[in-house]
Protein backbone atom coordinates (compact mmCIF):
# COMPACT_ATOMS: atom_id res chain seq x y z
CA MET A 1 -6.20 -13.39 -13.28
CA LEU A 2 -9.43 -10.89 -12.02
CA LEU A 3 -11.94 -12.75 -9.39
CA LYS A 4 -15.34 -14.05 -10.98
CA LYS A 5 -17.22 -11.06 -9.71
CA SER A 6 -14.51 -8.11 -9.58
CA ARG A 7 -15.09 -4.64 -11.40
CA TYR A 8 -12.71 -5.09 -13.95
CA GLN A 9 -13.69 -8.30 -14.90
CA ASN A 10 -15.80 -7.12 -18.89
CA SER A 11 -12.45 -4.43 -18.64
CA ARG A 12 -10.50 -3.89 -21.70
CA LEU A 13 -6.65 -4.48 -21.74
CA PHE A 14 -4.03 -1.54 -22.35
CA GLU A 15 -0.81 -0.81 -22.05
CA VAL A 16 1.74 2.91 -21.62
CA GLN A 17 5.09 3.20 -22.61
CA GLY A 18 6.50 5.82 -20.72
CA GLU A 19 10.66 6.26 -19.21
CA GLU A 20 10.60 3.84 -16.54
CA GLY A 21 9.04 1.22 -19.19
CA THR A 22 6.11 -0.20 -20.11
CA PHE A 23 2.93 -0.54 -18.21
CA GLN A 24 0.52 -2.81 -18.50
CA GLY A 25 -2.92 -2.93 -17.09
CA VAL A 26 -6.54 -2.90 -17.14
CA ARG A 27 -8.93 0.72 -17.64
CA ALA A 28 -10.94 0.82 -15.29
CA ARG A 29 -15.37 -0.10 -15.87
CA GLU A 30 -16.91 2.31 -17.73
CA ILE A 31 -19.67 4.42 -15.14
CA ASN A 32 -23.11 4.40 -16.69
CA SER A 33 -24.01 7.49 -15.21
CA LEU A 34 -22.83 10.48 -12.77
CA ASP A 35 -25.04 11.82 -11.67
CA GLY A 36 -23.70 13.79 -7.91
CA VAL A 37 -20.45 14.06 -9.08
CA ILE A 38 -19.05 17.01 -7.89
CA GLU A 39 -15.68 18.74 -9.38
CA HIS A 40 -12.72 18.85 -7.19
CA GLN A 41 -9.93 21.22 -7.95
CA VAL A 42 -6.68 19.57 -7.37
CA THR A 43 -3.93 21.38 -5.28
CA ASP A 44 -0.41 20.10 -4.92
CA ASN A 45 -0.75 18.12 -2.41
CA ASP A 46 -3.91 16.02 -3.33
CA ARG A 47 -3.92 12.52 -3.88
CA LEU A 48 -6.25 10.13 -4.58
CA ASP A 49 -6.36 8.22 -1.41
CA LEU A 50 -6.14 11.55 0.25
CA LEU A 51 -9.11 12.52 -1.47
CA ALA A 52 -11.49 9.07 -1.61
CA LEU A 53 -10.37 9.35 2.34
CA HIS A 54 -11.67 13.17 2.18
CA TYR A 55 -15.15 12.27 0.09
CA PHE A 56 -15.56 9.29 0.89
CA ASN A 57 -13.93 8.10 4.60
CA ASP A 58 -12.30 5.00 2.51
CA SER A 59 -8.72 5.52 1.04
CA SER A 60 -9.31 2.13 -0.74
CA LEU A 61 -11.95 3.69 -2.54
CA TRP A 62 -9.94 6.23 -4.40
CA TRP A 63 -10.59 3.55 -8.15
CA ARG A 64 -13.85 5.54 -8.32
CA ILE A 65 -11.62 8.19 -8.92
CA VAL A 66 -10.23 6.96 -10.87
CA ASP A 67 -12.90 5.72 -13.03
CA ALA A 68 -14.70 9.04 -13.33
CA ASN A 69 -11.77 10.29 -14.18
CA PRO A 70 -10.38 7.92 -17.47
CA GLU A 71 -7.61 10.56 -18.51
CA ILE A 72 -5.43 9.61 -15.27
CA ILE A 73 -4.17 6.53 -15.81
CA PHE A 74 -1.30 6.27 -13.44
CA ALA A 75 -1.65 7.85 -9.35
CA ASP A 76 1.35 10.11 -9.47
CA HIS A 77 0.29 12.00 -12.46
CA MET A 78 -1.96 13.91 -10.36
CA LEU A 79 1.51 14.90 -8.52
CA GLY A 80 3.11 16.55 -12.08
CA LYS A 81 2.42 20.28 -11.81
CA GLU A 82 0.10 20.33 -14.99
CA TRP A 83 -2.96 18.82 -13.00
CA ILE A 84 -2.79 21.58 -10.15
CA GLY A 85 -5.55 23.50 -10.56
CA ARG A 86 -7.43 21.25 -12.85
CA ALA A 87 -10.77 20.10 -12.33
CA ILE A 88 -11.64 16.33 -11.24
CA LEU A 89 -15.13 14.57 -10.93
CA ILE A 90 -15.84 13.00 -7.40
CA PRO A 91 -18.90 10.74 -7.98
CA THR A 92 -20.81 9.36 -5.49
CA LYS A 93 -20.11 7.09 -3.19
CA THR A 94 -22.87 4.27 -4.22
């Protein structure tokens, strides 16, 4: 159940089947404008919370990075070797 003021209130549900089972979740809302975004090249030490701390000075804003990069479904996807060197979008902190 989502709170009435949740940013996910009008989001769609999704389900992903993986090696460890099924993950059910809510897809983040779409960002209408990506003005002021920067590109970040993923390194082998990157984590969403650490990127949010670096760019926003607040590790709890990791979800803004996920919203700007809908191909990231699980936070640990960025830990795989296939992500090293890829560019992801970092939106402004607004």
